[in-house]
Amino acid sequence: MILTLSMLKTLVTGAIMLFVGLAFLPHFAATRLTSLQKFLNEEIERRERKAQ
C-alpha cells in the first residue's frame, strides 16, 4: 500500500510540474494538486510509522 501511495504521489508531483511549468491548467487546479500531494505525503508517513 505504501508503494502504491508513493507511486501516486510521484504521478501527482509530475502533474504539478507539468501543469505549472507549461501553464496548461489554471492556478487553482495546480493548488488542488498540491493539496493532494500534501495529503499523500502525510498518509505515507502515517502508514510508515504504523508499519514500524
PDB file of N, CA and C in Angstrom:
ATOM      1  N   MET A   1       0.817  -1.193   0.000  1.00  0.00           N
ATOM      2  CA  MET A   1       0.000   0.000   0.000  1.00  0.00           C
ATOM      3  C   MET A   1       0.865   1.263   0.000  1.00  0.00           C
ATOM      4  N   ILE A   2       1.948   1.215   0.770  1.00  0.00           N
ATOM      5  CA  ILE A   2       2.847   2.377   0.811  1.00  0.00           C
ATOM      6  C   ILE A   2       3.468   2.598  -0.566  1.00  0.00           C
ATOM      7  N   LEU A   3       3.835   1.519  -1.235  1.00  0.00           N
ATOM      8  CA  LEU A   3       4.417   1.642  -2.572  1.00  0.00           C
ATOM      9  C   LEU A   3       3.413   2.266  -3.544  1.00  0.00           C
ATOM     10  N   THR A   4       2.163   1.846  -3.472  1.00  0.00           N
ATOM     11  CA  THR A   4       1.118   2.400  -4.336  1.00  0.00           C
ATOM     12  C   THR A   4       0.935   3.889  -4.076  1.00  0.00           C
ATOM     13  N   LEU A   5       0.887   4.274  -2.801  1.00  0.00           N
ATOM     14  CA  LEU A   5       0.743   5.691  -2.462  1.00  0.00           C
ATOM     15  C   LEU A   5       1.957   6.493  -2.925  1.00  0.00           C
ATOM     16  N   SER A   6       3.133   5.913  -2.806  1.00  0.00           N
ATOM     17  CA  SER A   6       4.349   6.598  -3.254  1.00  0.00           C
ATOM     18  C   SER A   6       4.339   6.813  -4.768  1.00  0.00           C
ATOM     19  N   MET A   7       3.893   5.802  -5.498  1.00  0.00           N
ATOM     20  CA  MET A   7       3.805   5.942  -6.957  1.00  0.00           C
ATOM     21  C   MET A   7       2.772   7.000  -7.335  1.00  0.00           C
ATOM     22  N   LEU A   8       1.641   7.012  -6.625  1.00  0.00           N
ATOM     23  CA  LEU A   8       0.613   8.021  -6.887  1.00  0.00           C
ATOM     24  C   LEU A   8       1.148   9.413  -6.587  1.00  0.00           C
ATOM     25  N   LYS A   9       1.902   9.550  -5.496  1.00  0.00           N
ATOM     26  CA  LYS A   9       2.494  10.836  -5.147  1.00  0.00           C
ATOM     27  C   LYS A   9       3.455  11.302  -6.233  1.00  0.00           C
ATOM     28  N   THR A  10       4.230  10.374  -6.790  1.00  0.00           N
ATOM     29  CA  THR A  10       5.156  10.703  -7.870  1.00  0.00           C
ATOM     30  C   THR A  10       4.403  11.194  -9.101  1.00  0.00           C
ATOM     31  N   LEU A  11       3.306  10.533  -9.422  1.00  0.00           N
ATOM     32  CA  LEU A  11       2.488  10.972 -10.558  1.00  0.00           C
ATOM     33  C   LEU A  11       1.906  12.359 -10.328  1.00  0.00           C
ATOM     34  N   VAL A  12       1.425  12.606  -9.110  1.00  0.00           N
ATOM     35  CA  VAL A  12       0.865  13.922  -8.784  1.00  0.00           C
ATOM     36  C   VAL A  12       1.946  14.988  -8.871  1.00  0.00           C
ATOM     37  N   THR A  13       3.135  14.687  -8.358  1.00  0.00           N
ATOM     38  CA  THR A  13       4.247  15.635  -8.426  1.00  0.00           C
ATOM     39  C   THR A  13       4.588  15.961  -9.881  1.00  0.00           C
ATOM     40  N   GLY A  14       4.635  14.935 -10.712  1.00  0.00           N
ATOM     41  CA  GLY A  14       4.900  15.149 -12.133  1.00  0.00           C
ATOM     42  C   GLY A  14       3.827  15.989 -12.798  1.00  0.00           C
ATOM     43  N   ALA A  15       2.572  15.737 -12.423  1.00  0.00           N
ATOM     44  CA  ALA A  15       1.465  16.515 -12.988  1.00  0.00           C
ATOM     45  C   ALA A  15       1.575  17.981 -12.578  1.00  0.00           C
ATOM     46  N   ILE A  16       1.934  18.217 -11.319  1.00  0.00           N
ATOM     47  CA  ILE A  16       2.097  19.599 -10.842  1.00  0.00           C
ATOM     48  C   ILE A  16       3.192  20.292 -11.640  1.00  0.00           C
ATOM     49  N   MET A  17       4.322  19.627 -11.798  1.00  0.00           N
ATOM     50  CA  MET A  17       5.429  20.237 -12.541  1.00  0.00           C
ATOM     51  C   MET A  17       5.031  20.503 -13.992  1.00  0.00           C
ATOM     52  N   LEU A  18       4.333  19.570 -14.599  1.00  0.00           N
ATOM     53  CA  LEU A  18       3.909  19.733 -15.988  1.00  0.00           C
ATOM     54  C   LEU A  18       2.921  20.883 -16.139  1.00  0.00           C
ATOM     55  N   PHE A  19       1.876  20.860 -15.311  1.00  0.00           N
ATOM     56  CA  PHE A  19       0.816  21.857 -15.451  1.00  0.00           C
ATOM     57  C   PHE A  19       1.264  23.260 -15.057  1.00  0.00           C
ATOM     58  N   VAL A  20       2.059  23.365 -14.019  1.00  0.00           N
ATOM     59  CA  VAL A  20       2.538  24.685 -13.607  1.00  0.00           C
ATOM     60  C   VAL A  20       3.586  25.188 -14.594  1.00  0.00           C
ATOM     61  N   GLY A  21       4.486  24.294 -14.975  1.00  0.00           N
ATOM     62  CA  GLY A  21       5.557  24.687 -15.888  1.00  0.00           C
ATOM     63  C   GLY A  21       5.054  25.091 -17.258  1.00  0.00           C
ATOM     64  N   LEU A  22       4.065  24.393 -17.757  1.00  0.00           N
ATOM     65  CA  LEU A  22       3.554  24.686 -19.093  1.00  0.00           C
ATOM     66  C   LEU A  22       2.336  25.594 -19.080  1.00  0.00           C
ATOM     67  N   ALA A  23       1.816  25.846 -17.882  1.00  0.00           N
ATOM     68  CA  ALA A  23       0.670  26.744 -17.685  1.00  0.00           C
ATOM     69  C   ALA A  23      -0.563  26.281 -18.462  1.00  0.00           C
ATOM     70  N   PHE A  24      -0.784  24.957 -18.534  1.00  0.00           N
ATOM     71  CA  PHE A  24      -1.977  24.439 -19.194  1.00  0.00           C
ATOM     72  C   PHE A  24      -3.194  24.456 -18.281  1.00  0.00           C
ATOM     73  N   LEU A  25      -2.940  24.443 -16.982  1.00  0.00           N
ATOM     74  CA  LEU A  25      -4.052  24.473 -16.029  1.00  0.00           C
ATOM     75  C   LEU A  25      -4.049  25.797 -15.289  1.00  0.00           C
ATOM     76  N   PRO A  26      -5.206  26.273 -14.933  1.00  0.00           N
ATOM     77  CA  PRO A  26      -5.255  27.484 -14.117  1.00  0.00           C
ATOM     78  C   PRO A  26      -4.599  27.249 -12.759  1.00  0.00           C
ATOM     79  N   HIS A  27      -4.291  28.332 -12.093  1.00  0.00           N
ATOM     80  CA  HIS A  27      -3.604  28.269 -10.802  1.00  0.00           C
ATOM     81  C   HIS A  27      -4.379  27.449  -9.775  1.00  0.00           C
ATOM     82  N   PHE A  28      -5.694  27.591  -9.739  1.00  0.00           N
ATOM     83  CA  PHE A  28      -6.473  26.884  -8.713  1.00  0.00           C
ATOM     84  C   PHE A  28      -6.380  25.368  -8.874  1.00  0.00           C
ATOM     85  N   ALA A  29      -6.260  24.882 -10.093  1.00  0.00           N
ATOM     86  CA  ALA A  29      -6.134  23.436 -10.304  1.00  0.00           C
ATOM     87  C   ALA A  29      -4.782  22.935  -9.781  1.00  0.00           C
ATOM     88  N   ALA A  30      -3.734  23.693 -10.021  1.00  0.00           N
ATOM     89  CA  ALA A  30      -2.416  23.327  -9.502  1.00  0.00           C
ATOM     90  C   ALA A  30      -2.426  23.351  -7.975  1.00  0.00           C
ATOM     91  N   THR A  31      -3.169  24.286  -7.393  1.00  0.00           N
ATOM     92  CA  THR A  31      -3.280  24.354  -5.940  1.00  0.00           C
ATOM     93  C   THR A  31      -3.963  23.108  -5.400  1.00  0.00           C
ATOM     94  N   ARG A  32      -4.987  22.642  -6.074  1.00  0.00           N
ATOM     95  CA  ARG A  32      -5.680  21.416  -5.638  1.00  0.00           C
ATOM     96  C   ARG A  32      -4.756  20.203  -5.721  1.00  0.00           C
ATOM     97  N   LEU A  33      -3.945  20.132  -6.769  1.00  0.00           N
ATOM     98  CA  LEU A  33      -2.991  19.033  -6.877  1.00  0.00           C
ATOM     99  C   LEU A  33      -1.944  19.103  -5.764  1.00  0.00           C
ATOM    100  N   THR A  34      -1.538  20.309  -5.393  1.00  0.00           N
ATOM    101  CA  THR A  34      -0.586  20.474  -4.302  1.00  0.00           C
ATOM    102  C   THR A  34      -1.189  19.980  -2.996  1.00  0.00           C
ATOM    103  N   SER A  35      -2.472  20.253  -2.785  1.00  0.00           N
ATOM    104  CA  SER A  35      -3.153  19.756  -1.591  1.00  0.00           C
ATOM    105  C   SER A  35      -3.197  18.230  -1.594  1.00  0.00           C
ATOM    106  N   LEU A  36      -3.447  17.640  -2.744  1.00  0.00           N
ATOM    107  CA  LEU A  36      -3.457  16.181  -2.860  1.00  0.00           C
ATOM    108  C   LEU A  36      -2.077  15.615  -2.545  1.00  0.00           C
ATOM    109  N   GLN A  37      -1.032  16.270  -3.037  1.00  0.00           N
ATOM    110  CA  GLN A  37       0.326  15.824  -2.765  1.00  0.00           C
ATOM    111  C   GLN A  37       0.622  15.883  -1.261  1.00  0.00           C
ATOM    112  N   LYS A  38       0.190  16.940  -0.606  1.00  0.00           N
ATOM    113  CA  LYS A  38       0.399  17.062   0.842  1.00  0.00           C
ATOM    114  C   LYS A  38      -0.316  15.926   1.582  1.00  0.00           C
ATOM    115  N   PHE A  39      -1.549  15.639   1.177  1.00  0.00           N
ATOM    116  CA  PHE A  39      -2.296  14.542   1.793  1.00  0.00           C
ATOM    117  C   PHE A  39      -1.570  13.218   1.610  1.00  0.00           C
ATOM    118  N   LEU A  40      -1.081  12.958   0.391  1.00  0.00           N
ATOM    119  CA  LEU A  40      -0.377  11.703   0.118  1.00  0.00           C
ATOM    120  C   LEU A  40       0.897  11.597   0.953  1.00  0.00           C
ATOM    121  N   ASN A  41       1.628  12.696   1.091  1.00  0.00           N
ATOM    122  CA  ASN A  41       2.830  12.696   1.931  1.00  0.00           C
ATOM    123  C   ASN A  41       2.493  12.317   3.362  1.00  0.00           C
ATOM    124  N   GLU A  42       1.456  12.940   3.906  1.00  0.00           N
ATOM    125  CA  GLU A  42       1.052  12.669   5.284  1.00  0.00           C
ATOM    126  C   GLU A  42       0.579  11.227   5.447  1.00  0.00           C
ATOM    127  N   GLU A  43      -0.156  10.726   4.471  1.00  0.00           N
ATOM    128  CA  GLU A  43      -0.669   9.354   4.545  1.00  0.00           C
ATOM    129  C   GLU A  43       0.481   8.339   4.482  1.00  0.00           C
ATOM    130  N   ILE A  44       1.443   8.581   3.611  1.00  0.00           N
ATOM    131  CA  ILE A  44       2.598   7.690   3.516  1.00  0.00           C
ATOM    132  C   ILE A  44       3.370   7.694   4.835  1.00  0.00           C
ATOM    133  N   GLU A  45       3.618   8.881   5.389  1.00  0.00           N
ATOM    134  CA  GLU A  45       4.342   8.974   6.656  1.00  0.00           C
ATOM    135  C   GLU A  45       3.583   8.264   7.772  1.00  0.00           C
ATOM    136  N   ARG A  46       2.265   8.431   7.812  1.00  0.00           N
ATOM    137  CA  ARG A  46       1.466   7.788   8.846  1.00  0.00           C
ATOM    138  C   ARG A  46       1.543   6.270   8.734  1.00  0.00           C
ATOM    139  N   ARG A  47       1.442   5.776   7.518  1.00  0.00           N
ATOM    140  CA  ARG A  47       1.490   4.311   7.320  1.00  0.00           C
ATOM    141  C   ARG A  47       2.880   3.755   7.598  1.00  0.00           C
ATOM    142  N   GLU A  48       3.920   4.516   7.274  1.00  0.00           N
ATOM    143  CA  GLU A  48       5.280   4.070   7.562  1.00  0.00           C
ATOM    144  C   GLU A  48       5.509   3.989   9.078  1.00  0.00           C
ATOM    145  N   ARG A  49       5.010   4.991   9.813  1.00  0.00           N
ATOM    146  CA  ARG A  49       5.128   4.958  11.284  1.00  0.00           C
ATOM    147  C   ARG A  49       4.356   3.786  11.853  1.00  0.00           C
ATOM    148  N   LYS A  50       3.186   3.527  11.297  1.00  0.00           N
ATOM    149  CA  LYS A  50       2.340   2.431  11.769  1.00  0.00           C
ATOM    150  C   LYS A  50       2.990   1.078  11.491  1.00  0.00           C
ATOM    151  N   ALA A  51       3.721   0.971  10.382  1.00  0.00           N
ATOM    152  CA  ALA A  51       4.353  -0.286   9.991  1.00  0.00           C
ATOM    153  C   ALA A  51       5.568  -0.614  10.862  1.00  0.00           C
ATOM    154  N   GLN A  52       6.113   0.371  11.519  1.00  0.00           N
ATOM    155  CA  GLN A  52       7.328   0.146  12.332  1.00  0.00           C
ATOM    156  C   GLN A  52       7.022  -0.483  13.648  1.00  0.00           C
TER     157      GLN A  52
END
